[in-house]
Amino acid sequence: MAQPQNICPHISTGGVMLKQNFNKMAEYKCECKGEIVNKSGVTIRHIEGKGVIHDIKCEGCDKYMELANPKSGAPGFRSNRYGQTF
C-alpha cells in the first residue's frame, strides 16, 4: 500500500494527509438555515450599534451573516530591496 503524499512536503505531518482549501472565496453562515454560502468581493463596514461587520445579508431572514471559518493571526508580507511589499 502506498504512503499518502503530503500537499506541503516541507511540513512534517507524521504521515497524515493535509487537505487545503484553495477556494479563494470566503464562506459565510447564517443562523436561520445553517447552510454555508461562498461569496467574494464583500465589503467590510462599520455600522452603528453593531460594530465592524461583513456587509452580506441572508436572503431568507435579512440578517447579517458571520464568517463560517474565521481566521486568527496576522498575514505575512514579503518585501523586495526597494521596500515594496507583495
Protein backbone atom coordinates (compact mmCIF):
# COMPACT_ATOMS: atom_id res chain seq x y z
CA MET A 1 0.00 0.00 0.00
CA ALA A 2 1.39 3.40 -0.98
CA GLN A 3 2.11 6.08 1.60
CA PRO A 4 -0.14 9.17 1.30
CA GLN A 5 1.73 12.17 -0.07
CA ASN A 6 1.57 15.50 1.75
CA ILE A 7 0.35 18.54 -0.13
CA CYS A 8 3.15 20.53 1.54
CA PRO A 9 6.14 18.17 1.52
CA HIS A 10 8.28 20.57 3.57
CA ILE A 11 5.93 20.22 6.57
CA SER A 12 6.32 17.06 8.64
CA THR A 13 2.86 15.73 9.43
CA GLY A 14 3.70 12.24 10.62
CA GLY A 15 2.00 10.52 7.67
CA VAL A 16 -1.27 12.46 8.00
CA MET A 17 -2.69 13.74 4.72
CA LEU A 18 -3.13 17.52 4.67
CA LYS A 19 -6.19 18.94 2.96
CA GLN A 20 -6.16 22.59 1.98
CA ASN A 21 -8.99 24.68 0.60
CA PHE A 22 -7.66 26.62 -2.37
CA ASN A 23 -11.06 28.26 -2.89
CA LYS A 24 -10.33 31.98 -2.51
CA MET A 25 -13.92 32.93 -1.69
CA ALA A 26 -14.87 33.42 1.95
CA GLU A 27 -17.53 31.18 3.43
CA TYR A 28 -20.43 32.75 5.34
CA LYS A 29 -23.04 31.10 7.54
CA CYS A 30 -26.45 32.32 8.71
CA GLU A 31 -28.19 31.32 11.93
CA CYS A 32 -31.58 30.68 10.30
CA LYS A 33 -30.67 27.96 7.76
CA GLY A 34 -27.23 26.84 8.89
CA GLU A 35 -26.04 26.44 5.29
CA ILE A 36 -22.69 27.80 4.13
CA VAL A 37 -22.53 30.29 1.22
CA ASN A 38 -19.37 31.22 -0.74
CA LYS A 39 -19.07 34.93 -1.55
CA SER A 40 -16.27 37.11 -2.85
CA GLY A 41 -15.93 40.87 -3.05
CA VAL A 42 -17.73 41.53 0.25
CA THR A 43 -17.39 45.00 1.80
CA ILE A 44 -16.42 45.39 5.47
CA ARG A 45 -18.40 48.22 7.07
CA HIS A 46 -18.81 49.93 10.43
CA ILE A 47 -22.48 50.05 11.39
CA GLU A 48 -23.64 51.96 14.47
CA GLY A 49 -24.59 49.64 17.29
CA LYS A 50 -23.26 46.53 15.53
CA GLY A 51 -19.57 47.36 15.10
CA VAL A 52 -17.45 46.26 12.16
CA ILE A 53 -19.18 43.57 10.09
CA HIS A 54 -19.07 41.95 6.66
CA ASP A 55 -21.80 43.58 4.58
CA ILE A 56 -23.54 40.41 3.44
CA LYS A 57 -27.13 39.60 4.36
CA CYS A 58 -29.04 36.34 4.36
CA GLU A 59 -31.72 36.20 1.70
CA GLY A 60 -34.14 34.36 3.99
CA CYS A 61 -34.06 36.34 7.26
CA ASP A 62 -32.32 39.59 6.11
CA LYS A 63 -29.75 39.44 8.96
CA TYR A 64 -26.01 39.93 8.57
CA MET A 65 -24.11 36.67 8.04
CA GLU A 66 -21.00 35.63 10.01
CA LEU A 67 -17.81 34.01 8.73
CA ALA A 68 -18.09 30.22 8.78
CA ASN A 69 -14.34 29.72 9.30
CA PRO A 70 -12.87 32.82 10.97
CA LYS A 71 -9.11 33.18 10.75
CA SER A 72 -6.80 34.30 13.51
CA GLY A 73 -3.35 35.81 13.44
CA ALA A 74 -1.77 38.24 11.03
CA PRO A 75 -0.84 37.83 7.36
CA GLY A 76 2.77 37.54 6.32
CA PHE A 77 4.26 40.08 3.95
CA ARG A 78 7.46 39.98 1.95
CA SER A 79 9.30 42.96 0.56
CA ASN A 80 11.94 43.46 -2.08
CA ARG A 81 15.10 45.55 -1.73
CA TYR A 82 13.17 48.72 -2.59
CA GLY A 83 10.70 48.27 0.28
CA GLN A 84 7.79 47.28 -1.94
CA THR A 85 5.55 44.65 -0.41
CA PHE A 86 3.96 41.75 -2.26
